[in-house]
Amino acid sequence: MPKLKTKSGAKKRFKLTATGKVMAGPAGKRHGMIKRTNKQIRQNRGMSVVSESDARNVRKYYLPNG
């Protein structure tokens, strides 16, 4: 079997923690900030842990060597 390659788009979007959890940046931060409340902008800073059902797919299909 050939080696599995990591999807290059996933490298830029996801990060694995030391315990194997998947971190991702928040949605809704690219444009249209004028419509968002200050609370939404503040709470979307940094990265957050992805839900376990989504994280399973990310690890299996996009980050096989992560």
Protein backbone atom coordinates (compact mmCIF):
# COMPACT_ATOMS: atom_id res chain seq x y z
CA MET A 1 0.00 0.00 0.00
CA PRO A 2 1.25 3.52 -0.74
CA LYS A 3 1.81 5.98 2.06
CA LEU A 4 -1.13 8.17 3.08
CA LYS A 5 -0.57 11.86 2.50
CA THR A 6 -1.96 14.57 4.75
CA LYS A 7 -4.37 16.89 2.91
CA SER A 8 -2.53 20.18 2.48
CA GLY A 9 -5.71 22.19 3.11
CA ALA A 10 -6.17 20.43 6.45
CA LYS A 11 -2.63 21.31 7.52
CA LYS A 12 -3.60 24.97 7.38
CA ARG A 13 -7.00 24.62 9.06
CA PHE A 14 -6.58 22.09 11.86
CA LYS A 15 -4.11 21.45 14.64
CA LEU A 16 -3.81 18.40 16.90
CA THR A 17 -3.27 18.78 20.63
CA ALA A 18 -0.92 16.53 22.59
CA THR A 19 -3.89 14.39 23.71
CA GLY A 20 -5.14 13.98 20.12
CA LYS A 21 -7.99 16.48 20.13
CA VAL A 22 -8.56 18.55 17.00
CA MET A 23 -8.43 22.34 17.21
CA ALA A 24 -9.92 24.64 14.56
CA GLY A 25 -10.46 28.33 14.09
CA PRO A 26 -13.96 29.79 14.49
CA ALA A 27 -16.38 30.30 11.62
CA GLY A 28 -17.70 33.73 10.72
CA LYS A 29 -14.54 35.82 11.19
CA ARG A 30 -13.50 36.60 7.62
CA HIS A 31 -15.70 39.54 6.65
CA GLY A 32 -18.90 41.38 7.64
CA MET A 33 -17.61 42.22 11.11
CA ILE A 34 -19.80 45.32 11.20
CA LYS A 35 -22.88 43.11 11.49
CA ARG A 36 -21.46 41.06 14.36
CA THR A 37 -21.81 42.11 17.94
CA ASN A 38 -18.69 42.86 19.96
CA LYS A 39 -19.45 39.77 22.04
CA GLN A 40 -19.42 37.54 18.94
CA ILE A 41 -16.14 39.00 17.74
CA ARG A 42 -14.56 38.58 21.18
CA GLN A 43 -15.75 35.00 21.65
CA ASN A 44 -14.49 33.93 18.21
CA ARG A 45 -10.85 34.71 18.98
CA GLY A 46 -8.27 31.95 19.02
CA MET A 47 -9.01 28.33 18.28
CA SER A 48 -11.52 25.92 19.79
CA VAL A 49 -11.83 22.15 20.14
CA VAL A 50 -13.84 20.47 17.38
CA SER A 51 -16.70 18.14 18.37
CA GLU A 52 -15.65 14.52 18.69
CA SER A 53 -17.83 13.28 15.82
CA ASP A 54 -16.23 15.78 13.42
CA ALA A 55 -12.76 15.27 14.89
CA ARG A 56 -12.93 11.54 14.16
CA ASN A 57 -13.39 12.26 10.44
CA VAL A 58 -10.66 14.90 10.39
CA ARG A 59 -8.15 12.52 11.96
CA LYS A 60 -9.12 9.60 9.72
CA TYR A 61 -9.37 11.25 6.31
CA TYR A 62 -7.43 14.52 6.45
CA LEU A 63 -4.67 14.08 9.05
CA PRO A 64 -3.82 10.37 8.91
CA ASN A 65 -0.24 10.94 10.07
CA GLY A 66 -1.07 13.60 12.65
